């Protein structure tokens, strides 16, 4: 999924509890599912960021390194401005883009 195209808010938002819990009828289960998805998103974003930073990596210990890593700084700033993983996960949950199943129910 392309997390750069998300409509998730960058700042804090208050959500209606009933809307969050509706798919599962249990707020704790809903939060648990959202948290697991946020962890997945965080891992994906971290891997993507590391891969992009490695493209610009230079392995010398000189003072010029600051100037050579300008691209890395720009890439890092871009990822810092993206919505946080939990905000993306909540947005996916509200848009019913997260698949979940309860193994206890038949």
PDB file of N, CA and C in Angstrom:
ATOM      1  N   UNK A   1       0.841  -1.187   0.000  1.00  0.00           N
ATOM      2  CA  UNK A   1       0.000   0.000   0.000  1.00  0.00           C
ATOM      3  C   UNK A   1       0.879   1.240   0.000  1.00  0.00           C
ATOM      4  N   UNK A   2       0.406   2.265  -0.629  1.00  0.00           N
ATOM      5  CA  UNK A   2       1.161   3.510  -0.675  1.00  0.00           C
ATOM      6  C   UNK A   2       0.662   4.421   0.444  1.00  0.00           C
ATOM      7  N   UNK A   3       1.453   4.554   1.479  1.00  0.00           N
ATOM      8  CA  UNK A   3       1.051   5.335   2.650  1.00  0.00           C
ATOM      9  C   UNK A   3       1.113   6.833   2.394  1.00  0.00           C
ATOM     10  N   UNK A   4       1.731   7.220   1.291  1.00  0.00           N
ATOM     11  CA  UNK A   4       1.828   8.639   0.964  1.00  0.00           C
ATOM     12  C   UNK A   4       0.505   9.178   0.432  1.00  0.00           C
ATOM     13  N   UNK A   5      -0.383   8.284   0.006  1.00  0.00           N
ATOM     14  CA  UNK A   5      -1.665   8.673  -0.572  1.00  0.00           C
ATOM     15  C   UNK A   5      -2.808   8.627   0.448  1.00  0.00           C
ATOM     16  N   UNK A   6      -2.521   8.404   1.691  1.00  0.00           N
ATOM     17  CA  UNK A   6      -3.545   8.262   2.713  1.00  0.00           C
ATOM     18  C   UNK A   6      -4.196   9.599   3.060  1.00  0.00           C
ATOM     19  N   UNK A   7      -5.430   9.509   3.546  1.00  0.00           N
ATOM     20  CA  UNK A   7      -6.134  10.702   4.007  1.00  0.00           C
ATOM     21  C   UNK A   7      -6.063  10.806   5.535  1.00  0.00           C
ATOM     22  N   UNK A   8      -5.211  10.010   6.140  1.00  0.00           N
ATOM     23  CA  UNK A   8      -5.086  10.011   7.602  1.00  0.00           C
ATOM     24  C   UNK A   8      -4.586  11.366   8.076  1.00  0.00           C
ATOM     25  N   UNK A   9      -5.109  11.831   9.198  1.00  0.00           N
ATOM     26  CA  UNK A   9      -4.683  13.139   9.712  1.00  0.00           C
ATOM     27  C   UNK A   9      -3.259  13.104  10.247  1.00  0.00           C
ATOM     28  N   UNK A  10      -2.585  14.235  10.146  1.00  0.00           N
ATOM     29  CA  UNK A  10      -1.216  14.347  10.657  1.00  0.00           C
ATOM     30  C   UNK A  10      -1.244  14.715  12.135  1.00  0.00           C
ATOM     31  N   UNK A  11      -2.306  15.385  12.564  1.00  0.00           N
ATOM     32  CA  UNK A  11      -2.414  15.783  13.966  1.00  0.00           C
ATOM     33  C   UNK A  11      -3.444  14.907  14.685  1.00  0.00           C
ATOM     34  N   UNK A  12      -3.566  15.094  15.972  1.00  0.00           N
ATOM     35  CA  UNK A  12      -4.452  14.290  16.803  1.00  0.00           C
ATOM     36  C   UNK A  12      -5.920  14.570  16.484  1.00  0.00           C
ATOM     37  N   UNK A  13      -6.705  13.488  16.421  1.00  0.00           N
ATOM     38  CA  UNK A  13      -8.126  13.584  16.130  1.00  0.00           C
ATOM     39  C   UNK A  13      -8.876  12.740  17.154  1.00  0.00           C
ATOM     40  N   UNK A  14     -10.039  13.214  17.575  1.00  0.00           N
ATOM     41  CA  UNK A  14     -10.891  12.447  18.477  1.00  0.00           C
ATOM     42  C   UNK A  14     -11.927  11.706  17.645  1.00  0.00           C
ATOM     43  N   UNK A  15     -12.041  10.404  17.875  1.00  0.00           N
ATOM     44  CA  UNK A  15     -12.984   9.584  17.123  1.00  0.00           C
ATOM     45  C   UNK A  15     -14.139   9.166  18.020  1.00  0.00           C
ATOM     46  N   UNK A  16     -15.271   8.879  17.407  1.00  0.00           N
ATOM     47  CA  UNK A  16     -16.439   8.386  18.115  1.00  0.00           C
ATOM     48  C   UNK A  16     -16.201   6.914  18.463  1.00  0.00           C
ATOM     49  N   UNK A  17     -16.294   6.578  19.729  1.00  0.00           N
ATOM     50  CA  UNK A  17     -16.036   5.215  20.207  1.00  0.00           C
ATOM     51  C   UNK A  17     -16.951   4.200  19.532  1.00  0.00           C
ATOM     52  N   UNK A  18     -18.212   4.537  19.349  1.00  0.00           N
ATOM     53  CA  UNK A  18     -19.159   3.614  18.735  1.00  0.00           C
ATOM     54  C   UNK A  18     -18.770   3.285  17.290  1.00  0.00           C
ATOM     55  N   UNK A  19     -18.238   4.262  16.581  1.00  0.00           N
ATOM     56  CA  UNK A  19     -17.834   4.032  15.191  1.00  0.00           C
ATOM     57  C   UNK A  19     -16.635   3.085  15.141  1.00  0.00           C
ATOM     58  N   UNK A  20     -15.709   3.261  16.065  1.00  0.00           N
ATOM     59  CA  UNK A  20     -14.518   2.401  16.108  1.00  0.00           C
ATOM     60  C   UNK A  20     -14.888   0.965  16.448  1.00  0.00           C
ATOM     61  N   UNK A  21     -15.783   0.765  17.398  1.00  0.00           N
ATOM     62  CA  UNK A  21     -16.092  -0.584  17.864  1.00  0.00           C
ATOM     63  C   UNK A  21     -17.155  -1.309  17.039  1.00  0.00           C
ATOM     64  N   UNK A  22     -17.837  -0.629  16.148  1.00  0.00           N
ATOM     65  CA  UNK A  22     -18.941  -1.229  15.397  1.00  0.00           C
ATOM     66  C   UNK A  22     -18.587  -2.541  14.690  1.00  0.00           C
ATOM     67  N   UNK A  23     -17.483  -2.631  13.942  1.00  0.00           N
ATOM     68  CA  UNK A  23     -17.211  -3.898  13.234  1.00  0.00           C
ATOM     69  C   UNK A  23     -17.036  -5.110  14.150  1.00  0.00           C
ATOM     70  N   UNK A  24     -16.561  -4.918  15.364  1.00  0.00           N
ATOM     71  CA  UNK A  24     -16.301  -6.049  16.261  1.00  0.00           C
ATOM     72  C   UNK A  24     -17.266  -6.120  17.436  1.00  0.00           C
ATOM     73  N   UNK A  25     -17.998  -5.050  17.686  1.00  0.00           N
ATOM     74  CA  UNK A  25     -18.869  -4.921  18.864  1.00  0.00           C
ATOM     75  C   UNK A  25     -18.077  -4.982  20.171  1.00  0.00           C
ATOM     76  N   UNK A  26     -16.785  -4.711  20.090  1.00  0.00           N
ATOM     77  CA  UNK A  26     -15.937  -4.739  21.274  1.00  0.00           C
ATOM     78  C   UNK A  26     -14.791  -3.743  21.054  1.00  0.00           C
ATOM     79  N   UNK A  27     -14.770  -2.689  21.849  1.00  0.00           N
ATOM     80  CA  UNK A  27     -13.759  -1.631  21.656  1.00  0.00           C
ATOM     81  C   UNK A  27     -12.352  -2.157  21.860  1.00  0.00           C
ATOM     82  N   UNK A  28     -12.165  -3.083  22.789  1.00  0.00           N
ATOM     83  CA  UNK A  28     -10.827  -3.614  23.068  1.00  0.00           C
ATOM     84  C   UNK A  28     -10.308  -4.459  21.911  1.00  0.00           C
ATOM     85  N   UNK A  29     -11.183  -5.238  21.324  1.00  0.00           N
ATOM     86  CA  UNK A  29     -10.797  -6.036  20.165  1.00  0.00           C
ATOM     87  C   UNK A  29     -10.456  -5.115  18.984  1.00  0.00           C
ATOM     88  N   UNK A  30     -11.267  -4.089  18.785  1.00  0.00           N
ATOM     89  CA  UNK A  30     -11.019  -3.137  17.693  1.00  0.00           C
ATOM     90  C   UNK A  30      -9.673  -2.439  17.875  1.00  0.00           C
ATOM     91  N   UNK A  31      -9.400  -2.002  19.081  1.00  0.00           N
ATOM     92  CA  UNK A  31      -8.122  -1.323  19.364  1.00  0.00           C
ATOM     93  C   UNK A  31      -6.954  -2.277  19.161  1.00  0.00           C
ATOM     94  N   UNK A  32      -7.127  -3.528  19.557  1.00  0.00           N
ATOM     95  CA  UNK A  32      -6.078  -4.524  19.377  1.00  0.00           C
ATOM     96  C   UNK A  32      -5.780  -4.747  17.893  1.00  0.00           C
ATOM     97  N   UNK A  33      -6.812  -4.834  17.085  1.00  0.00           N
ATOM     98  CA  UNK A  33      -6.634  -5.020  15.638  1.00  0.00           C
ATOM     99  C   UNK A  33      -5.949  -3.802  15.036  1.00  0.00           C
ATOM    100  N   UNK A  34      -6.390  -2.618  15.416  1.00  0.00           N
ATOM    101  CA  UNK A  34      -5.783  -1.377  14.906  1.00  0.00           C
ATOM    102  C   UNK A  34      -4.320  -1.297  15.318  1.00  0.00           C
ATOM    103  N   UNK A  35      -4.018  -1.673  16.551  1.00  0.00           N
ATOM    104  CA  UNK A  35      -2.631  -1.632  17.042  1.00  0.00           C
ATOM    105  C   UNK A  35      -1.737  -2.592  16.259  1.00  0.00           C
ATOM    106  N   UNK A  36      -2.248  -3.782  15.969  1.00  0.00           N
ATOM    107  CA  UNK A  36      -1.462  -4.751  15.186  1.00  0.00           C
ATOM    108  C   UNK A  36      -1.202  -4.220  13.782  1.00  0.00           C
ATOM    109  N   UNK A  37      -2.210  -3.589  13.194  1.00  0.00           N
ATOM    110  CA  UNK A  37      -2.030  -3.021  11.853  1.00  0.00           C
ATOM    111  C   UNK A  37      -1.043  -1.853  11.893  1.00  0.00           C
ATOM    112  N   UNK A  38      -1.099  -1.043  12.940  1.00  0.00           N
ATOM    113  CA  UNK A  38      -0.158   0.070  13.081  1.00  0.00           C
ATOM    114  C   UNK A  38       1.278  -0.444  13.180  1.00  0.00           C
ATOM    115  N   UNK A  39       1.475  -1.558  13.865  1.00  0.00           N
ATOM    116  CA  UNK A  39       2.796  -2.169  13.963  1.00  0.00           C
ATOM    117  C   UNK A  39       3.280  -2.622  12.586  1.00  0.00           C
ATOM    118  N   UNK A  40       2.390  -3.215  11.800  1.00  0.00           N
ATOM    119  CA  UNK A  40       2.744  -3.629  10.434  1.00  0.00           C
ATOM    120  C   UNK A  40       3.127  -2.433   9.576  1.00  0.00           C
ATOM    121  N   UNK A  41       2.329  -1.376   9.655  1.00  0.00           N
ATOM    122  CA  UNK A  41       2.597  -0.161   8.871  1.00  0.00           C
ATOM    123  C   UNK A  41       3.931   0.438   9.276  1.00  0.00           C
ATOM    124  N   UNK A  42       4.190   0.494  10.580  1.00  0.00           N
ATOM    125  CA  UNK A  42       5.442   1.045  11.080  1.00  0.00           C
ATOM    126  C   UNK A  42       6.636   0.261  10.533  1.00  0.00           C
ATOM    127  N   UNK A  43       6.533  -1.064  10.528  1.00  0.00           N
ATOM    128  CA  UNK A  43       7.616  -1.902  10.001  1.00  0.00           C
ATOM    129  C   UNK A  43       7.831  -1.646   8.515  1.00  0.00           C
ATOM    130  N   UNK A  44       6.725  -1.538   7.764  1.00  0.00           N
ATOM    131  CA  UNK A  44       6.826  -1.269   6.330  1.00  0.00           C
ATOM    132  C   UNK A  44       7.486   0.072   6.057  1.00  0.00           C
ATOM    133  N   UNK A  45       7.043   1.101   6.779  1.00  0.00           N
ATOM    134  CA  UNK A  45       7.607   2.437   6.579  1.00  0.00           C
ATOM    135  C   UNK A  45       9.078   2.483   6.960  1.00  0.00           C
ATOM    136  N   UNK A  46       9.429   1.812   8.056  1.00  0.00           N
ATOM    137  CA  UNK A  46      10.825   1.796   8.507  1.00  0.00           C
ATOM    138  C   UNK A  46      11.717   1.116   7.474  1.00  0.00           C
ATOM    139  N   UNK A  47      11.253  -0.019   6.945  1.00  0.00           N
ATOM    140  CA  UNK A  47      12.030  -0.724   5.923  1.00  0.00           C
ATOM    141  C   UNK A  47      12.176   0.138   4.675  1.00  0.00           C
ATOM    142  N   UNK A  48      11.098   0.763   4.254  1.00  0.00           N
ATOM    143  CA  UNK A  48      11.127   1.625   3.079  1.00  0.00           C
ATOM    144  C   UNK A  48      12.090   2.796   3.264  1.00  0.00           C
ATOM    145  N   UNK A  49      12.062   3.412   4.444  1.00  0.00           N
ATOM    146  CA  UNK A  49      12.952   4.536   4.739  1.00  0.00           C
ATOM    147  C   UNK A  49      14.412   4.090   4.729  1.00  0.00           C
ATOM    148  N   UNK A  50      14.701   2.977   5.366  1.00  0.00           N
ATOM    149  CA  UNK A  50      16.082   2.479   5.419  1.00  0.00           C
ATOM    150  C   UNK A  50      16.585   2.159   4.019  1.00  0.00           C
ATOM    151  N   UNK A  51      15.733   1.541   3.202  1.00  0.00           N
ATOM    152  CA  UNK A  51      16.124   1.237   1.820  1.00  0.00           C
ATOM    153  C   UNK A  51      16.437   2.508   1.038  1.00  0.00           C
ATOM    154  N   UNK A  52      15.610   3.528   1.194  1.00  0.00           N
ATOM    155  CA  UNK A  52      15.846   4.788   0.483  1.00  0.00           C
ATOM    156  C   UNK A  52      17.109   5.483   0.989  1.00  0.00           C
ATOM    157  N   UNK A  53      17.341   5.453   2.298  1.00  0.00           N
ATOM    158  CA  UNK A  53      18.536   6.086   2.857  1.00  0.00           C
ATOM    159  C   UNK A  53      19.801   5.370   2.412  1.00  0.00           C
ATOM    160  N   UNK A  54      19.721   4.053   2.261  1.00  0.00           N
ATOM    161  CA  UNK A  54      20.885   3.285   1.804  1.00  0.00           C
ATOM    162  C   UNK A  54      21.292   3.653   0.385  1.00  0.00           C
ATOM    163  N   UNK A  55      20.345   4.111  -0.417  1.00  0.00           N
ATOM    164  CA  UNK A  55      20.667   4.529  -1.773  1.00  0.00           C
ATOM    165  C   UNK A  55      21.655   5.694  -1.790  1.00  0.00           C
ATOM    166  N   UNK A  56      21.566   6.548  -0.766  1.00  0.00           N
ATOM    167  CA  UNK A  56      22.413   7.738  -0.697  1.00  0.00           C
ATOM    168  C   UNK A  56      23.598   7.576   0.246  1.00  0.00           C
ATOM    169  N   UNK A  57      23.754   6.380   0.805  1.00  0.00           N
ATOM    170  CA  UNK A  57      24.785   6.172   1.824  1.00  0.00           C
ATOM    171  C   UNK A  57      26.189   6.356   1.250  1.00  0.00           C
ATOM    172  N   UNK A  58      26.979   7.073   2.005  1.00  0.00           N
ATOM    173  CA  UNK A  58      28.408   7.196   1.704  1.00  0.00           C
ATOM    174  C   UNK A  58      29.146   6.785   2.963  1.00  0.00           C
ATOM    175  N   UNK A  59      30.199   6.039   2.782  1.00  0.00           N
ATOM    176  CA  UNK A  59      30.887   5.471   3.939  1.00  0.00           C
ATOM    177  C   UNK A  59      32.280   6.066   4.106  1.00  0.00           C
ATOM    178  N   UNK A  60      32.308   7.363   4.374  1.00  0.00           N
ATOM    179  CA  UNK A  60      33.587   7.990   4.702  1.00  0.00           C
ATOM    180  C   UNK A  60      33.403   8.843   5.947  1.00  0.00           C
ATOM    181  N   UNK A  61      34.448   9.013   6.693  1.00  0.00           N
ATOM    182  CA  UNK A  61      34.371   9.709   7.976  1.00  0.00           C
ATOM    183  C   UNK A  61      34.968  11.112   7.878  1.00  0.00           C
ATOM    184  N   UNK A  62      34.518  11.862   6.929  1.00  0.00           N
ATOM    185  CA  UNK A  62      35.056  13.212   6.780  1.00  0.00           C
ATOM    186  C   UNK A  62      34.004  14.246   7.176  1.00  0.00           C
ATOM    187  N   UNK A  63      34.437  15.483   7.294  1.00  0.00           N
ATOM    188  CA  UNK A  63      33.519  16.561   7.619  1.00  0.00           C
ATOM    189  C   UNK A  63      32.581  16.879   6.455  1.00  0.00           C
ATOM    190  N   UNK A  64      32.962  16.473   5.261  1.00  0.00           N
ATOM    191  CA  UNK A  64      32.126  16.709   4.084  1.00  0.00           C
ATOM    192  C   UNK A  64      30.876  15.834   4.088  1.00  0.00           C
ATOM    193  N   UNK A  65      30.807  14.889   4.997  1.00  0.00           N
ATOM    194  CA  UNK A  65      29.689  13.958   5.059  1.00  0.00           C
ATOM    195  C   UNK A  65      28.355  14.690   5.221  1.00  0.00           C
ATOM    196  N   UNK A  66      28.341  15.808   5.944  1.00  0.00           N
ATOM    197  CA  UNK A  66      27.118  16.568   6.156  1.00  0.00           C
ATOM    198  C   UNK A  66      26.557  17.049   4.824  1.00  0.00           C
ATOM    199  N   UNK A  67      27.392  17.517   3.960  1.00  0.00           N
ATOM    200  CA  UNK A  67      26.958  18.015   2.668  1.00  0.00           C
ATOM    201  C   UNK A  67      26.569  16.868   1.731  1.00  0.00           C
ATOM    202  N   UNK A  68      27.259  15.758   1.830  1.00  0.00           N
ATOM    203  CA  UNK A  68      26.975  14.612   0.975  1.00  0.00           C
ATOM    204  C   UNK A  68      25.659  13.938   1.342  1.00  0.00           C
ATOM    205  N   UNK A  69      25.235  14.092   2.583  1.00  0.00           N
ATOM    206  CA  UNK A  69      24.024  13.429   3.051  1.00  0.00           C
ATOM    207  C   UNK A  69      22.800  14.334   2.988  1.00  0.00           C
ATOM    208  N   UNK A  70      22.871  15.369   2.194  1.00  0.00           N
ATOM    209  CA  UNK A  70      21.743  16.286   2.054  1.00  0.00           C
ATOM    210  C   UNK A  70      20.496  15.541   1.562  1.00  0.00           C
ATOM    211  N   UNK A  71      20.688  14.604   0.634  1.00  0.00           N
ATOM    212  CA  UNK A  71      19.572  13.820   0.119  1.00  0.00           C
ATOM    213  C   UNK A  71      18.936  12.969   1.222  1.00  0.00           C
ATOM    214  N   UNK A  72      19.786  12.397   2.070  1.00  0.00           N
ATOM    215  CA  UNK A  72      19.262  11.593   3.180  1.00  0.00           C
ATOM    216  C   UNK A  72      18.415  12.444   4.116  1.00  0.00           C
ATOM    217  N   UNK A  73      18.850  13.653   4.364  1.00  0.00           N
ATOM    218  CA  UNK A  73      18.107  14.553   5.246  1.00  0.00           C
ATOM    219  C   UNK A  73      16.745  14.872   4.636  1.00  0.00           C
ATOM    220  N   UNK A  74      16.702  15.132   3.343  1.00  0.00           N
ATOM    221  CA  UNK A  74      15.431  15.428   2.666  1.00  0.00           C
ATOM    222  C   UNK A  74      14.481  14.237   2.720  1.00  0.00           C
ATOM    223  N   UNK A  75      15.005  13.043   2.484  1.00  0.00           N
ATOM    224  CA  UNK A  75      14.186  11.828   2.541  1.00  0.00           C
ATOM    225  C   UNK A  75      13.646  11.646   3.965  1.00  0.00           C
ATOM    226  N   UNK A  76      14.481  11.835   4.961  1.00  0.00           N
ATOM    227  CA  UNK A  76      14.061  11.697   6.358  1.00  0.00           C
ATOM    228  C   UNK A  76      12.966  12.700   6.703  1.00  0.00           C
ATOM    229  N   UNK A  77      13.128  13.928   6.269  1.00  0.00           N
ATOM    230  CA  UNK A  77      12.112  14.955   6.546  1.00  0.00           C
ATOM    231  C   UNK A  77      10.785  14.609   5.895  1.00  0.00           C
ATOM    232  N   UNK A  78      10.842  14.042   4.681  1.00  0.00           N
ATOM    233  CA  UNK A  78       9.611  13.634   4.001  1.00  0.00           C
ATOM    234  C   UNK A  78       8.869  12.598   4.839  1.00  0.00           C
ATOM    235  N   UNK A  79       9.591  11.582   5.330  1.00  0.00           N
ATOM    236  CA  UNK A  79       8.956  10.534   6.123  1.00  0.00           C
ATOM    237  C   UNK A  79       8.476  11.056   7.473  1.00  0.00           C
ATOM    238  N   UNK A  80       9.128  12.055   8.023  1.00  0.00           N
ATOM    239  CA  UNK A  80       8.679  12.641   9.285  1.00  0.00           C
ATOM    240  C   UNK A  80       7.348  13.359   9.121  1.00  0.00           C
ATOM    241  N   UNK A  81       7.086  13.893   7.923  1.00  0.00           N
ATOM    242  CA  UNK A  81       5.843  14.632   7.683  1.00  0.00           C
ATOM    243  C   UNK A  81       4.664  13.724   7.379  1.00  0.00           C
ATOM    244  N   UNK A  82       4.904  12.452   7.118  1.00  0.00           N
ATOM    245  CA  UNK A  82       3.809  11.516   6.852  1.00  0.00           C
ATOM    246  C   UNK A  82       2.976  11.318   8.120  1.00  0.00           C
ATOM    247  N   UNK A  83       1.706  10.945   7.962  1.00  0.00           N
ATOM    248  CA  UNK A  83       0.903  10.622   9.150  1.00  0.00           C
ATOM    249  C   UNK A  83       1.535   9.456   9.909  1.00  0.00           C
ATOM    250  N   UNK A  84       1.329   9.430  11.192  1.00  0.00           N
ATOM    251  CA  UNK A  84       1.889   8.364  12.027  1.00  0.00           C
ATOM    252  C   UNK A  84       1.180   7.041  11.726  1.00  0.00           C
ATOM    253  N   UNK A  85       1.878   5.917  11.941  1.00  0.00           N
ATOM    254  CA  UNK A  85       1.292   4.604  11.636  1.00  0.00           C
ATOM    255  C   UNK A  85      -0.061   4.355  12.303  1.00  0.00           C
ATOM    256  N   UNK A  86      -0.231   4.804  13.541  1.00  0.00           N
ATOM    257  CA  UNK A  86      -1.517   4.562  14.202  1.00  0.00           C
ATOM    258  C   UNK A  86      -2.638   5.355  13.530  1.00  0.00           C
ATOM    259  N   UNK A  87      -2.343   6.554  13.024  1.00  0.00           N
ATOM    260  CA  UNK A  87      -3.356   7.346  12.334  1.00  0.00           C
ATOM    261  C   UNK A  87      -3.750   6.683  11.013  1.00  0.00           C
ATOM    262  N   UNK A  88      -2.767   6.117  10.322  1.00  0.00           N
ATOM    263  CA  UNK A  88      -3.047   5.410   9.067  1.00  0.00           C
ATOM    264  C   UNK A  88      -3.889   4.163   9.359  1.00  0.00           C
ATOM    265  N   UNK A  89      -3.548   3.448  10.423  1.00  0.00           N
ATOM    266  CA  UNK A  89      -4.283   2.232  10.787  1.00  0.00           C
ATOM    267  C   UNK A  89      -5.733   2.553  11.149  1.00  0.00           C
ATOM    268  N   UNK A  90      -5.954   3.621  11.888  1.00  0.00           N
ATOM    269  CA  UNK A  90      -7.329   4.008  12.244  1.00  0.00           C
ATOM    270  C   UNK A  90      -8.105   4.373  10.984  1.00  0.00           C
ATOM    271  N   UNK A  91      -7.476   5.110  10.086  1.00  0.00           N
ATOM    272  CA  UNK A  91      -8.134   5.489   8.834  1.00  0.00           C
ATOM    273  C   UNK A  91      -8.494   4.241   8.024  1.00  0.00           C
ATOM    274  N   UNK A  92      -7.588   3.277   7.942  1.00  0.00           N
ATOM    275  CA  UNK A  92      -7.871   2.018   7.245  1.00  0.00           C
ATOM    276  C   UNK A  92      -9.034   1.279   7.914  1.00  0.00           C
ATOM    277  N   UNK A  93      -9.069   1.287   9.240  1.00  0.00           N
ATOM    278  CA  UNK A  93     -10.129   0.625   9.987  1.00  0.00           C
ATOM    279  C   UNK A  93     -11.485   1.272   9.674  1.00  0.00           C
ATOM    280  N   UNK A  94     -11.517   2.588   9.683  1.00  0.00           N
ATOM    281  CA  UNK A  94     -12.765   3.299   9.426  1.00  0.00           C
ATOM    282  C   UNK A  94     -13.237   3.122   7.979  1.00  0.00           C
ATOM    283  N   UNK A  95     -12.315   2.919   7.069  1.00  0.00           N
ATOM    284  CA  UNK A  95     -12.658   2.706   5.663  1.00  0.00           C
ATOM    285  C   UNK A  95     -12.836   1.217   5.336  1.00  0.00           C
ATOM    286  N   UNK A  96     -12.826   0.376   6.388  1.00  0.00           N
ATOM    287  CA  UNK A  96     -13.017  -1.071   6.275  1.00  0.00           C
ATOM    288  C   UNK A  96     -12.015  -1.718   5.320  1.00  0.00           C
ATOM    289  N   UNK A  97     -10.758  -1.283   5.401  1.00  0.00           N
ATOM    290  CA  UNK A  97      -9.700  -1.829   4.569  1.00  0.00           C
ATOM    291  C   UNK A  97      -8.871  -2.883   5.305  1.00  0.00           C
ATOM    292  N   UNK A  98      -9.186  -3.127   6.571  1.00  0.00           N
ATOM    293  CA  UNK A  98      -8.445  -4.106   7.365  1.00  0.00           C
ATOM    294  C   UNK A  98      -9.281  -5.371   7.474  1.00  0.00           C
ATOM    295  N   UNK A  99      -8.682  -6.478   7.038  1.00  0.00           N
ATOM    296  CA  UNK A  99      -9.353  -7.763   7.164  1.00  0.00           C
ATOM    297  C   UNK A  99      -9.032  -8.342   8.531  1.00  0.00           C
ATOM    298  N   UNK A 100     -10.055  -8.825   9.220  1.00  0.00           N
ATOM    299  CA  UNK A 100      -9.841  -9.476  10.508  1.00  0.00           C
ATOM    300  C   UNK A 100     -10.858 -10.598  10.644  1.00  0.00           C
ATOM    301  N   UNK A 101     -10.504 -11.556  11.469  1.00  0.00           N
ATOM    302  CA  UNK A 101     -11.453 -12.636  11.770  1.00  0.00           C
ATOM    303  C   UNK A 101     -11.238 -13.058  13.204  1.00  0.00           C
ATOM    304  N   UNK A 102     -12.291 -13.511  13.796  1.00  0.00           N
ATOM    305  CA  UNK A 102     -12.243 -13.999  15.174  1.00  0.00           C
ATOM    306  C   UNK A 102     -12.204 -15.513  15.123  1.00  0.00           C
ATOM    307  N   UNK A 103     -11.076 -16.090  15.500  1.00  0.00           N
ATOM    308  CA  UNK A 103     -10.929 -17.548  15.434  1.00  0.00           C
ATOM    309  C   UNK A 103     -11.777 -18.266  16.467  1.00  0.00           C
ATOM    310  N   UNK A 104     -12.272 -17.552  17.484  1.00  0.00           N
ATOM    311  CA  UNK A 104     -13.131 -18.176  18.508  1.00  0.00           C
ATOM    312  C   UNK A 104     -14.543 -18.410  17.983  1.00  0.00           C
ATOM    313  N   UNK A 105     -14.994 -17.552  17.062  1.00  0.00           N
ATOM    314  CA  UNK A 105     -16.353 -17.690  16.514  1.00  0.00           C
ATOM    315  C   UNK A 105     -16.329 -18.625  15.316  1.00  0.00           C
ATOM    316  N   UNK A 106     -17.421 -19.371  15.166  1.00  0.00           N
ATOM    317  CA  UNK A 106     -17.497 -20.328  14.060  1.00  0.00           C
ATOM    318  C   UNK A 106     -18.372 -19.802  12.963  1.00  0.00           C
TER     319      UNK A 106
END
